[in-house]
Protein backbone atom coordinates (compact mmCIF):
# COMPACT_ATOMS: atom_id res chain seq x y z
CA MET A 1 -2.40 -24.61 -12.49
CA LYS A 2 -1.67 -21.30 -14.14
CA PHE A 3 -3.41 -18.23 -12.57
CA SER A 4 -5.36 -17.67 -15.80
CA GLU A 5 -7.14 -21.61 -14.83
CA TYR A 6 -8.21 -20.18 -11.05
CA THR A 7 -11.91 -20.71 -11.70
CA TYR A 8 -13.92 -17.19 -10.78
CA THR A 9 -17.85 -18.43 -9.66
CA ARG A 10 -20.02 -15.40 -8.75
CA PRO A 11 -21.26 -16.84 -4.98
CA ASP A 12 -24.68 -17.17 -4.44
CA PHE A 13 -25.87 -15.26 -1.70
CA ASP A 14 -29.27 -16.63 -0.89
CA SER A 15 -27.22 -20.42 -0.51
CA TYR A 16 -24.08 -18.91 1.11
CA GLN A 17 -26.19 -16.75 3.70
CA LYS A 18 -28.12 -19.80 4.58
CA ASP A 19 -24.99 -22.03 5.06
CA TYR A 20 -23.11 -19.36 7.27
CA LEU A 21 -25.67 -18.33 9.55
CA ALA A 22 -26.79 -21.90 10.22
CA SER A 23 -22.82 -22.36 11.32
CA VAL A 24 -22.99 -18.69 13.06
CA ALA A 25 -26.22 -20.70 15.12
CA GLN A 26 -23.53 -23.49 15.93
CA LEU A 27 -21.07 -21.22 17.51
CA GLN A 28 -24.09 -19.20 19.29
CA GLN A 29 -24.76 -22.64 20.90
CA ALA A 30 -21.32 -24.58 21.34
CA THR A 31 -20.88 -25.29 24.99
CA SER A 32 -17.30 -26.94 24.35
CA LEU A 33 -14.29 -25.91 22.64
CA ALA A 34 -14.65 -28.65 20.10
CA GLU A 35 -17.74 -27.91 19.37
CA ALA A 36 -17.00 -24.01 18.76
CA LYS A 37 -13.80 -25.02 16.84
CA ILE A 38 -15.81 -26.90 14.26
CA ALA A 39 -18.03 -23.66 13.23
CA VAL A 40 -15.37 -21.73 13.49
CA ASP A 41 -13.32 -23.51 11.34
CA GLN A 42 -16.22 -24.12 8.93
CA LEU A 43 -16.63 -20.23 8.35
CA ASN A 44 -13.23 -19.61 8.06
CA THR A 45 -14.27 -21.64 4.99
CA PHE A 46 -17.23 -20.44 3.78
CA ARG A 47 -15.10 -17.39 4.41
CA SER A 48 -11.76 -18.21 2.52
CA ALA A 49 -14.10 -19.00 -0.26
CA VAL A 50 -15.94 -15.69 -0.77
CA ASP A 51 -12.41 -14.05 -0.31
CA THR A 52 -11.00 -15.63 -2.97
CA ALA A 53 -13.86 -15.18 -5.36
CA MET A 54 -13.91 -11.68 -4.69
CA ASN A 55 -9.98 -11.61 -5.40
CA LEU A 56 -10.41 -13.34 -8.54
CA ALA A 57 -12.87 -10.65 -10.06
CA SER A 58 -10.91 -7.56 -8.74
CA ILE A 59 -7.68 -8.62 -9.95
CA ARG A 60 -8.70 -9.38 -13.42
CA TYR A 61 -10.80 -6.40 -13.48
CA SER A 62 -7.94 -4.44 -12.57
CA ILE A 63 -5.45 -5.99 -15.30
CA ASP A 64 -8.74 -4.43 -18.05
CA THR A 65 -10.96 -2.14 -16.55
CA ASN A 66 -12.38 -2.84 -20.36
CA ASP A 67 -13.56 -6.04 -19.82
CA SER A 68 -17.66 -6.14 -19.65
CA PHE A 69 -17.64 -9.29 -18.03
CA TYR A 70 -15.74 -8.27 -14.93
CA GLU A 71 -16.84 -4.94 -15.21
CA LYS A 72 -20.20 -6.22 -14.59
CA GLU A 73 -18.60 -8.43 -11.40
CA ASP A 74 -16.46 -5.27 -10.33
CA GLU A 75 -20.45 -3.68 -9.47
CA TRP A 76 -22.18 -6.52 -8.10
CA TRP A 77 -18.89 -7.02 -5.47
CA ASN A 78 -19.71 -3.25 -4.60
CA GLU A 79 -22.80 -4.15 -4.78
CA TYR A 80 -22.89 -7.24 -2.16
CA LEU A 81 -19.28 -6.65 -0.28
CA PRO A 82 -21.70 -5.16 2.05
CA HIS A 83 -24.27 -7.99 2.61
CA PHE A 84 -21.10 -10.49 3.27
CA GLU A 85 -19.26 -8.03 6.05
CA SER A 86 -22.77 -8.23 7.62
CA LEU A 87 -22.70 -11.84 8.03
CA ASP A 88 -19.06 -11.30 9.38
CA PHE A 89 -20.60 -8.89 11.37
CA GLN A 90 -23.02 -11.53 12.83
CA PHE A 91 -19.95 -13.83 13.40
CA TYR A 92 -17.66 -11.43 14.99
CA GLN A 93 -20.42 -10.91 18.20
CA ALA A 94 -21.33 -14.27 18.25
CA LEU A 95 -17.16 -15.00 18.43
CA LEU A 96 -17.19 -12.38 21.01
CA SER A 97 -19.91 -13.34 23.42
CA SER A 98 -19.27 -17.48 22.80
CA PRO A 99 -19.58 -18.85 26.27
CA VAL A 100 -16.41 -20.62 25.71
CA MET A 101 -14.87 -17.47 24.44
CA THR A 102 -11.29 -18.10 27.19
CA GLU A 103 -10.86 -21.16 25.32
CA LEU A 104 -11.49 -20.01 22.26
CA LYS A 105 -8.65 -17.52 22.62
CA THR A 106 -6.22 -20.79 23.25
CA ALA A 107 -6.72 -21.97 20.10
CA TYR A 108 -6.90 -19.05 17.58
CA PRO A 109 -4.54 -15.86 17.78
CA GLU A 110 -5.43 -12.95 19.67
CA THR A 111 -5.34 -10.55 17.24
CA LEU A 112 -8.72 -12.57 15.76
CA PHE A 113 -10.33 -11.14 18.83
CA LEU A 114 -9.17 -7.53 18.39
CA PHE A 115 -10.46 -7.72 15.00
CA ALA A 116 -13.87 -8.74 15.42
CA GLU A 117 -13.40 -6.25 18.50
CA SER A 118 -12.71 -3.32 15.65
CA ARG A 119 -15.50 -4.74 13.52
CA VAL A 120 -18.27 -4.93 15.68
CA LYS A 121 -18.35 -1.02 15.78
CA LEU A 122 -17.94 -0.33 12.32
CA PHE A 123 -20.80 -1.86 10.96
CA ASP A 124 -24.70 -1.52 10.94
CA GLU A 125 -27.24 -2.81 8.58
CA LYS A 126 -28.85 0.37 8.06
CA LEU A 127 -25.75 1.67 6.41
CA ILE A 128 -25.48 -0.68 3.66
CA PRO A 129 -26.64 1.92 1.10
CA LEU A 130 -23.83 4.33 1.99
CA PHE A 131 -21.07 0.84 2.05
CA GLN A 132 -22.33 0.17 -1.55
CA LYS A 133 -21.89 3.81 -2.57
CA GLU A 134 -18.70 3.88 -0.89
CA ASN A 135 -17.43 0.88 -3.07
CA GLN A 136 -18.81 2.03 -6.56
CA LEU A 137 -17.12 5.90 -5.74
CA ALA A 138 -13.56 3.98 -5.83
CA SER A 139 -14.27 1.90 -8.47
CA ASP A 140 -15.12 5.17 -10.31
CA TYR A 141 -11.86 6.20 -9.10
CA SER A 142 -9.85 3.77 -10.40
CA LYS A 143 -11.86 3.52 -13.68
CA LEU A 144 -11.25 7.52 -14.24
CA ILE A 145 -7.17 7.28 -13.64
CA ALA A 146 -7.21 3.91 -15.90
CA SER A 147 -9.17 6.37 -18.39
CA ALA A 148 -6.20 8.52 -19.30
CA GLN A 149 -4.80 8.61 -23.18
CA ILE A 150 -2.17 10.98 -22.79
CA ASP A 151 -0.90 12.01 -26.38
CA PHE A 152 2.99 12.85 -25.95
CA GLU A 153 5.90 12.50 -28.03
CA GLY A 154 3.67 10.64 -30.82
CA GLU A 155 2.07 7.98 -28.78
CA ILE A 156 -1.23 7.64 -26.79
CA ARG A 157 0.47 7.10 -23.10
CA ASN A 158 -1.24 6.11 -19.58
CA LEU A 159 -0.28 7.60 -16.71
CA PRO A 160 2.11 4.81 -15.49
CA GLN A 161 3.91 4.87 -19.51
CA MET A 162 4.62 9.24 -18.75
CA THR A 163 6.72 8.22 -15.90
CA PRO A 164 10.21 8.04 -18.21
CA PHE A 165 9.88 11.40 -19.36
CA ALA A 166 9.23 12.78 -15.81
CA GLN A 167 12.99 11.40 -15.54
CA SER A 168 13.94 12.70 -18.67
CA THR A 169 17.57 14.25 -18.90
CA ASP A 170 16.37 16.84 -21.29
CA ARG A 171 14.64 19.45 -19.38
CA ASP A 172 12.21 20.82 -21.91
CA ILE A 173 10.68 16.72 -21.97
CA ARG A 174 10.63 16.50 -18.22
CA LYS A 175 8.54 20.25 -18.40
CA LYS A 176 6.32 18.75 -21.00
CA ALA A 177 5.86 15.59 -19.57
CA ALA A 178 4.88 17.18 -16.14
CA GLN A 179 2.16 19.66 -18.56
CA ALA A 180 0.62 16.98 -20.13
CA THR A 181 0.03 14.63 -16.89
CA THR A 182 -1.32 17.99 -15.05
CA ALA A 183 -3.45 18.25 -17.88
CA PHE A 184 -5.29 15.09 -17.91
CA PHE A 185 -6.27 16.01 -14.48
CA THR A 186 -7.28 19.58 -15.08
CA GLU A 187 -9.87 18.14 -17.95
CA ASN A 188 -10.76 16.29 -15.32
CA GLU A 189 -11.10 18.43 -12.45
CA ALA A 190 -14.66 18.20 -12.05
CA LYS A 191 -14.78 14.37 -11.75
CA PHE A 192 -12.41 14.46 -9.65
CA ASP A 193 -14.01 16.95 -7.20
CA ALA A 194 -17.47 15.21 -7.79
CA ILE A 195 -16.72 11.34 -6.72
CA TYR A 196 -14.22 12.87 -3.83
CA ASP A 197 -16.81 15.35 -2.43
CA GLU A 198 -19.29 12.44 -2.39
CA MET A 199 -16.76 10.29 -0.72
CA VAL A 200 -16.17 12.98 2.14
CA GLN A 201 -19.95 12.96 2.76
CA VAL A 202 -20.71 9.62 2.33
CA ARG A 203 -18.12 8.38 4.61
CA ASP A 204 -18.85 11.01 7.37
CA GLN A 205 -22.28 9.66 7.28
CA ILE A 206 -21.06 6.50 8.03
CA ALA A 207 -19.21 7.37 10.57
CA LYS A 208 -21.51 9.35 12.47
CA GLY A 209 -24.27 6.63 12.05
CA LEU A 210 -22.36 4.92 14.11
CA GLY A 211 -21.38 7.25 16.46
CA PHE A 212 -18.30 8.87 15.66
CA ASP A 213 -17.43 11.99 16.32
CA ASN A 214 -15.99 12.05 12.55
CA TYR A 215 -14.69 9.89 10.00
CA VAL A 216 -10.95 10.44 11.41
CA GLN A 217 -12.19 8.39 14.33
CA PHE A 218 -13.98 5.89 12.20
CA ALA A 219 -10.67 5.08 10.06
CA ASP A 220 -8.48 4.83 13.30
CA VAL A 221 -10.98 2.04 14.36
CA LYS A 222 -10.88 0.50 10.78
CA MET A 223 -6.96 0.45 10.52
CA ASN A 224 -6.69 -1.82 13.62
CA ARG A 225 -4.67 0.87 15.59
CA TRP A 226 -4.39 -1.62 18.38
CA ASP A 227 -0.99 -0.21 19.97
CA TYR A 228 -1.12 3.80 19.41
CA ASP A 229 -3.61 6.16 19.04
CA ARG A 230 -3.94 9.60 17.22
CA SER A 231 -2.39 11.64 19.08
CA MET A 232 0.75 9.70 18.88
CA ILE A 233 0.39 9.73 14.77
CA GLU A 234 -0.20 13.74 15.13
CA THR A 235 3.18 14.33 17.58
CA TYR A 236 4.85 11.63 14.91
CA ARG A 237 3.80 14.13 11.84
CA LYS A 238 5.58 16.67 14.07
CA GLU A 239 8.74 15.17 14.77
CA ILE A 240 9.21 14.48 10.76
CA LEU A 241 8.41 18.01 10.04
CA GLU A 242 10.80 18.64 11.94
CA LYS A 243 13.37 16.29 12.41
CA VAL A 244 13.41 14.82 8.16
CA VAL A 245 12.26 17.83 6.25
CA PRO A 246 15.44 19.68 6.94
CA GLU A 247 17.45 16.20 5.87
CA ALA A 248 15.06 15.70 2.90
CA GLN A 249 16.11 19.39 1.91
CA LYS A 250 19.72 18.98 2.00
CA LEU A 251 19.18 15.66 -0.60
CA TYR A 252 17.59 18.27 -2.63
CA ASN A 253 19.71 21.04 -2.69
CA ARG A 254 22.44 18.34 -3.33
CA GLN A 255 20.25 17.08 -6.27
CA LYS A 256 19.96 20.99 -7.68
CA ASP A 257 24.15 21.17 -7.56
CA ARG A 258 24.91 17.86 -8.81
CA ASN A 259 21.85 18.82 -11.93
CA GLN A 260 24.14 22.25 -12.24
CA LEU A 261 20.54 23.86 -11.68
CA ASP A 262 20.04 27.42 -10.24
CA HIS A 263 16.83 26.47 -9.09
CA MET A 264 14.93 23.31 -9.28
CA TYR A 265 11.04 22.90 -10.63
CA ASN A 266 8.66 20.37 -9.38
CA TYR A 267 9.72 18.76 -12.73
CA ASP A 268 13.52 18.79 -11.80
CA LEU A 269 12.54 16.59 -8.93
CA SER A 270 12.39 13.13 -10.57
CA LEU A 271 16.10 13.57 -12.11
CA VAL A 272 18.53 12.83 -9.88
CA TYR A 273 22.05 12.41 -11.53
CA PRO A 274 22.25 14.84 -15.05
CA SER A 275 23.53 11.67 -16.50
CA GLY A 276 20.10 10.02 -16.39
CA ASN A 277 18.23 8.00 -13.10
CA ALA A 278 19.66 4.48 -12.58
CA LYS A 279 17.52 2.19 -14.94
CA PRO A 280 17.31 -1.89 -14.69
CA GLN A 281 18.93 -3.50 -17.63
CA GLY A 282 17.05 -6.13 -19.57
CA THR A 283 13.98 -7.31 -20.67
CA PRO A 284 10.99 -7.49 -18.14
CA GLU A 285 11.44 -10.94 -18.61
CA GLU A 286 15.29 -10.84 -17.88
CA LEU A 287 14.40 -9.31 -15.18
CA VAL A 288 11.95 -11.58 -13.51
CA ASP A 289 14.49 -14.40 -14.22
CA GLN A 290 17.21 -12.13 -12.64
CA ALA A 291 14.84 -11.62 -9.66
CA GLN A 292 14.15 -15.68 -9.97
CA THR A 293 18.02 -16.35 -9.42
CA MET A 294 18.29 -13.66 -6.60
CA TYR A 295 15.55 -15.22 -4.66
CA ARG A 296 17.16 -18.58 -5.44
CA GLU A 297 20.23 -17.52 -3.80
CA LEU A 298 18.74 -14.91 -0.52
CA SER A 299 17.36 -18.20 1.16
CA PRO A 300 15.86 -22.10 0.52
CA GLU A 301 12.89 -20.17 1.47
CA THR A 302 12.60 -17.09 -0.91
CA GLY A 303 13.54 -19.78 -3.80
CA GLU A 304 10.89 -21.26 -3.28
CA PHE A 305 8.08 -18.83 -2.73
CA PHE A 306 9.70 -16.65 -6.02
CA ASP A 307 9.35 -20.21 -8.39
CA PHE A 308 6.08 -20.76 -6.95
CA MET A 309 4.82 -17.33 -8.37
CA LYS A 310 6.23 -17.80 -11.64
CA GLU A 311 5.41 -21.64 -12.04
CA HIS A 312 1.78 -20.50 -11.58
CA ASP A 313 2.00 -17.11 -13.55
CA LEU A 314 1.16 -14.99 -10.75
CA LEU A 315 2.76 -11.84 -11.67
CA ASP A 316 0.78 -9.19 -14.29
CA LEU A 317 3.57 -7.10 -14.72
CA LEU A 318 3.51 -4.85 -18.03
CA SER A 319 1.78 -0.93 -18.15
CA LYS A 320 -1.04 -1.68 -20.85
CA LYS A 321 -4.06 0.23 -22.08
CA GLY A 322 -7.50 0.22 -19.84
CA LYS A 323 -4.78 -1.60 -16.57
CA GLN A 324 -5.47 0.02 -13.67
CA SER A 325 -2.64 2.45 -12.17
CA GLY A 326 -0.04 1.59 -9.43
CA GLY A 327 0.78 -2.13 -7.90
CA TYR A 328 -0.59 -3.95 -5.63
CA CYS A 329 0.07 -7.61 -3.94
CA THR A 330 -3.04 -9.69 -2.73
CA TYR A 331 -3.57 -13.30 -1.40
CA ILE A 332 -5.74 -15.96 -3.10
CA ALA A 333 -6.90 -18.02 0.08
CA ASP A 334 -8.34 -21.22 -1.73
CA PHE A 335 -5.20 -21.15 -4.41
CA GLN A 336 -2.83 -20.70 -1.45
CA SER A 337 -1.48 -18.01 -3.95
CA PRO A 338 -0.23 -14.53 -3.41
CA TYR A 339 -0.50 -12.47 -6.63
CA ILE A 340 1.47 -9.43 -8.28
CA PHE A 341 0.19 -6.29 -9.91
CA ALA A 342 2.12 -3.89 -10.91
CA ASN A 343 2.98 -1.36 -14.27
CA PHE A 344 6.59 -1.75 -15.93
CA ASN A 345 7.93 1.35 -17.48
CA GLY A 346 11.50 1.01 -18.02
CA THR A 347 12.51 2.59 -14.00
CA SER A 348 14.24 1.53 -11.47
CA GLY A 349 10.69 1.43 -10.31
CA ASP A 350 10.24 -1.76 -12.26
CA VAL A 351 12.89 -3.96 -9.91
CA ASP A 352 11.69 -2.01 -6.90
CA VAL A 353 8.35 -4.01 -7.58
CA LEU A 354 10.23 -7.81 -7.69
CA THR A 355 11.15 -6.49 -4.19
CA HIS A 356 8.47 -4.09 -2.38
CA GLU A 357 5.59 -6.46 -3.64
CA ALA A 358 7.44 -9.61 -3.70
CA GLY A 359 7.97 -8.63 0.00
CA HIS A 360 4.25 -8.93 0.69
CA ALA A 361 4.20 -11.46 -0.98
CA PHE A 362 6.64 -14.09 0.30
CA GLN A 363 5.11 -12.60 4.02
CA CYS A 364 1.68 -14.49 2.87
CA PHE A 365 3.76 -17.15 1.05
CA GLU A 366 5.33 -17.95 4.90
CA SER A 367 1.68 -17.22 6.38
CA ARG A 368 -0.24 -19.87 4.25
CA TRP A 369 -0.69 -21.62 7.48
CA ILE A 370 -3.36 -19.11 8.64
CA LYS A 371 -6.71 -20.06 8.02
CA GLU A 372 -8.66 -16.87 9.26
CA PRO A 373 -8.93 -14.41 6.04
CA GLU A 374 -8.44 -11.49 8.00
CA ILE A 375 -5.07 -12.17 9.63
CA VAL A 376 -2.76 -13.77 6.88
CA PHE A 377 -1.70 -10.17 6.39
CA PRO A 378 -0.97 -8.23 9.51
CA ASN A 379 -2.24 -4.44 10.05
CA PHE A 380 -0.70 -2.11 6.72
CA GLU A 381 2.18 -0.56 8.95
CA SER A 382 3.25 -4.07 9.56
CA CYS A 383 2.87 -5.28 6.30
CA GLU A 384 4.88 -2.47 4.85
CA ILE A 385 7.64 -3.41 7.04
CA HIS A 386 7.90 -6.64 4.93
CA SER A 387 7.80 -4.85 1.81
CA MET A 388 9.93 -2.14 2.68
CA SER A 389 12.85 -3.67 4.03
CA MET A 390 12.96 -6.53 1.36
CA GLU A 391 13.61 -3.42 -1.04
CA PHE A 392 17.08 -3.06 1.20
CA ILE A 393 17.89 -6.29 1.74
CA ALA A 394 17.99 -7.61 -1.78
CA TRP A 395 20.77 -4.52 -2.28
CA PRO A 396 23.64 -7.11 -3.05
CA TRP A 397 22.02 -8.60 -5.56
CA MET A 398 21.05 -4.83 -7.23
CA ASP A 399 24.56 -5.16 -9.51
CA ARG A 400 22.35 -7.96 -11.12
CA PHE A 401 20.02 -5.48 -12.46
CA PHE A 402 21.47 -2.00 -12.66
CA LYS A 403 24.90 -3.47 -13.99
CA GLU A 404 27.46 0.04 -13.59
CA GLN A 405 24.91 1.72 -12.17
CA THR A 406 23.95 0.13 -8.89
CA ALA A 407 25.90 2.81 -6.81
CA LYS A 408 23.86 5.50 -8.54
CA TYR A 409 20.81 2.99 -7.57
CA LYS A 410 21.23 2.36 -4.34
CA PHE A 411 21.83 6.48 -3.13
CA ALA A 412 18.31 7.43 -4.85
CA HIS A 413 16.70 4.28 -3.58
CA LEU A 414 17.73 5.21 -0.08
CA GLY A 415 17.45 8.45 -0.82
CA ASP A 416 14.48 8.43 -2.56
CA ALA A 417 12.89 6.43 0.79
CA LEU A 418 14.34 9.38 3.44
CA GLU A 419 12.39 11.75 1.05
CA PHE A 420 9.10 10.07 1.14
CA LEU A 421 8.71 10.74 4.85
CA PRO A 422 7.34 13.94 5.11
CA TYR A 423 4.90 13.35 2.08
CA GLY A 424 3.57 10.39 3.54
CA VAL A 425 2.71 12.43 6.84
CA LEU A 426 1.63 15.32 4.54
CA VAL A 427 -1.28 12.83 2.70
CA ASP A 428 -2.14 11.68 6.45
CA HIS A 429 -2.70 15.35 7.76
CA PHE A 430 -4.36 16.31 4.92
CA GLN A 431 -7.00 13.15 5.57
CA GLN A 432 -7.51 14.79 9.25
CA GLU A 433 -8.02 17.67 7.90
CA VAL A 434 -10.88 16.87 5.74
CA TYR A 435 -12.52 14.36 7.61
CA GLN A 436 -12.80 16.91 10.11
CA HIS A 437 -13.90 19.52 8.15
CA PRO A 438 -16.57 17.62 5.91
CA GLN A 439 -18.38 21.05 5.07
CA TRP A 440 -15.46 21.90 2.98
CA THR A 441 -15.52 22.71 -0.44
CA PRO A 442 -13.61 21.10 -3.57
CA GLU A 443 -11.58 24.74 -3.34
CA GLN A 444 -10.95 24.45 0.23
CA ARG A 445 -9.52 20.82 0.40
CA LYS A 446 -6.93 22.25 -2.26
CA ALA A 447 -6.12 25.22 -0.21
CA CYS A 448 -5.52 22.96 2.80
CA TRP A 449 -3.31 20.45 0.56
CA ARG A 450 -1.14 23.27 -1.20
CA GLU A 451 -0.75 24.92 2.15
CA LEU A 452 0.49 21.57 4.14
CA GLU A 453 2.34 20.86 1.06
CA LYS A 454 4.12 23.48 1.14
CA GLN A 455 5.49 22.85 4.78
CA TYR A 456 6.10 19.26 4.40
CA CYS A 457 7.57 19.45 0.78
CA PRO A 458 8.59 22.78 0.21
CA GLU A 459 11.10 21.93 -2.61
CA ARG A 460 7.71 21.60 -4.87
CA ASP A 461 8.19 24.47 -6.73
CA TYR A 462 5.18 24.64 -9.57
CA SER A 463 5.40 28.22 -10.34
CA GLN A 464 5.88 26.78 -14.12
CA ILE A 465 2.46 24.67 -13.86
CA PRO A 466 -0.37 27.19 -12.31
CA ASP A 467 -2.85 24.16 -11.88
CA LEU A 468 -0.69 21.90 -9.66
CA ASP A 469 -0.09 25.27 -7.20
CA ARG A 470 -3.62 25.56 -6.64
CA GLY A 471 -3.37 22.40 -4.98
CA LEU A 472 -3.61 19.51 -7.54
CA PHE A 473 -1.72 17.13 -7.10
CA TRP A 474 -3.10 14.92 -4.74
CA TYR A 475 -5.73 13.50 -7.14
CA ARG A 476 -3.41 11.18 -8.40
CA GLN A 477 -2.86 9.78 -4.64
CA GLY A 478 -5.42 6.57 -5.06
CA HIS A 479 -4.81 5.66 -1.46
CA ILE A 480 -6.81 8.90 -0.41
CA PHE A 481 -9.75 7.82 -2.81
CA GLN A 482 -9.38 4.17 -2.09
CA SER A 483 -7.61 3.57 1.09
CA PRO A 484 -7.99 6.42 3.43
CA PHE A 485 -5.70 6.69 6.12
CA TYR A 486 -3.67 4.34 5.00
CA TYR A 487 -0.53 6.14 4.06
CA ILE A 488 1.10 6.52 7.46
CA ASP A 489 1.40 2.93 7.90
CA TYR A 490 4.17 3.56 4.71
CA THR A 491 5.62 6.18 7.06
CA LEU A 492 6.06 4.47 10.50
CA ALA A 493 7.20 1.05 8.44
CA GLN A 494 9.77 2.76 6.55
CA VAL A 495 11.47 4.11 9.90
CA CYS A 496 10.93 0.32 10.61
CA ALA A 497 12.75 -0.73 7.32
CA PHE A 498 15.69 1.79 7.55
CA GLN A 499 16.12 -0.10 10.87
CA PHE A 500 16.56 -3.69 8.85
CA TRP A 501 18.35 -1.44 6.30
CA LYS A 502 21.91 -1.06 8.67
CA ARG A 503 21.34 -4.53 10.01
CA PHE A 504 21.42 -6.47 6.41
CA GLN A 505 23.85 -3.47 4.63
CA VAL A 506 25.87 -1.51 7.41
CA ASP A 507 26.39 -3.50 10.16
CA HIS A 508 25.92 -7.40 8.41
CA ASP A 509 24.11 -8.26 11.23
CA GLU A 510 23.82 -12.27 11.39
CA THR A 511 20.92 -12.36 13.05
CA ALA A 512 18.91 -9.95 10.51
CA TRP A 513 17.44 -12.63 8.16
CA SER A 514 16.45 -15.14 10.49
CA ASP A 515 14.11 -12.17 12.36
CA TYR A 516 12.84 -10.75 9.32
CA LEU A 517 11.77 -14.22 8.53
CA ALA A 518 10.45 -14.64 11.17
CA ILE A 519 7.52 -11.52 11.26
CA CYS A 520 6.71 -13.13 7.79
CA GLN A 521 5.64 -16.71 8.98
CA VAL A 522 3.51 -14.72 12.04
CA GLY A 523 1.35 -12.84 9.41
CA GLY A 524 -0.99 -10.96 11.26
CA THR A 525 -1.31 -13.23 14.44
CA LYS A 526 0.83 -10.90 16.34
CA THR A 527 -0.14 -6.97 16.29
CA PHE A 528 2.38 -4.50 15.58
CA LEU A 529 4.60 -3.46 18.46
CA GLU A 530 4.26 -7.57 19.12
CA ILE A 531 6.13 -7.74 15.66
CA LEU A 532 8.53 -4.90 16.17
CA GLU A 533 9.25 -7.16 19.52
CA ILE A 534 10.14 -10.40 17.69
CA ALA A 535 11.99 -8.64 15.16
CA HIS A 536 14.12 -6.41 17.41
CA LEU A 537 13.27 -3.51 16.11
CA ARG A 538 12.79 -0.08 17.48
CA SER A 539 8.70 1.34 17.55
CA PRO A 540 8.65 4.77 15.56
CA PHE A 541 7.02 6.24 18.73
CA GLU A 542 9.48 5.17 21.02
CA GLU A 543 11.76 7.81 22.25
CA GLY A 544 14.69 8.67 20.57
CA ALA A 545 14.18 6.12 17.75
CA LEU A 546 13.39 8.09 14.55
CA ASP A 547 16.63 10.55 15.72
CA ASP A 548 18.96 7.55 15.70
CA THR A 549 17.15 5.76 12.55
CA ILE A 550 16.80 9.03 10.64
CA ALA A 551 20.92 9.73 11.62
CA ALA A 552 21.90 6.40 10.58
CA VAL A 553 20.71 7.20 6.64
CA ALA A 554 21.06 10.70 6.51
CA ASP A 555 25.07 10.09 7.69
CA TYR A 556 25.27 7.08 5.55
CA LEU A 557 24.24 9.12 2.22
CA ALA A 558 26.11 12.74 3.59
CA ALA A 559 29.30 10.04 3.46
CA VAL A 560 28.49 8.83 0.17
CA PRO A 561 30.98 11.51 -2.37
CA GLU A 562 29.71 12.38 -5.78
CA THR A 563 32.49 11.25 -7.37
CA GLN A 564 30.81 7.64 -7.17
CA LEU A 565 27.28 8.99 -8.55
CA ASP A 566 28.78 9.82 -12.07
């Protein structure tokens, strides 16, 4: 069955609620493990069906935000999702108060109970109107981003389609592309400010309505940070500032010298080589075929996975009018199907999609045995280990995609991953400041962003584009609007993925693949630190782990002579 044949039906909430609450009552009344399991298993079936419908509607709306049918469905889900969450809240309460909970913990993964403990702290029926408003504001942001119609070089382009021009070897084109892209955000500045300002107020009200001091505390519970806390994140951010920013600046200085520039402005940062960045060779269809060959050669498991993705048309990769920006992987539970969404634009990022998002998709493909919808994927900092590590695991096959430009790709790929860490913690630091100061005006938020940006990303000289110098860059970072406090998880996972990079590409560790496969197969049934233990990786919070990991990457990059990068 092809994805286009996956049937979407809007749930009948009243009927669903009746059946759902009957099973919750059965769980509450169960006096034996057998009785309780029947109820929990039935509730898992109910919840997977709703999760499937929600994902189908969301995917199809993200593919075309101009589709009036799925736009209406998106609005319906924004309104009704909190009501479904209200039912799940009652399930979690019943699960945690079950007289046979000790026995249930022998039958279901511990993380289900940890998840339930988090979720009962995050919901109150009286806050449903605020949750509905938050959902709609996130959709408003997506639609605004997707509405970009930038007249550039004789064509109307959306934001992803502007990326190749940002990497042009012609400096004038790079500058004009940066100006044109920034103009979209400047022209819509009031709209972005209005959406985010309302988001901050709504989220602050939700957090305080549930007894938290601020939304930062709420978010750390929502993100299931079971193995670490906010103070550890703050220390980690400081270490990135002190230890990684200097290494990133060394790479930028090499880039400046390589490109023979007296000074680098922000629009120069995307061009890594004077001869042009490495670009994949082939049509999108040919790239997918190469990816299929790669995954068949990598392992039987990855071969089976990617064959399934192609056979069922579970990849939507081309950028087009009305399509949401960015990329993601999700899981359609009742069809046991991962789904990859992306916006190909002819840059190396196209190949990164076929490794990064495929890493997510492979993990949930291997975790299809898990019936609890909330733990098919692990928590975000663990999810991103699968995706970021797959980018490096795929290195031996990069010559199939980049031909003679392979060395350029690998150097830029690893260097960009290192340069990402300061930006990633900047996004987290900014959000913490914003939600600890919910009374701030839009101007104060922009000033805060720019102040922090100068600390973590001092290479960004916006003097040629004054609007960015006012602190507008973060408008384009969708996670800030739609997935608050997610971004630090990318950086934690990146530090772990660097360890897999070293094991696969430097040490040629024969146990690395079995460790990677093992953490894909446990899905979300383990916590972050448990997953690291299974993978034989060091925690980013462990003393010395960050120093050793960054040193390995920096030393490798420093040893690559410029003559190999022509």
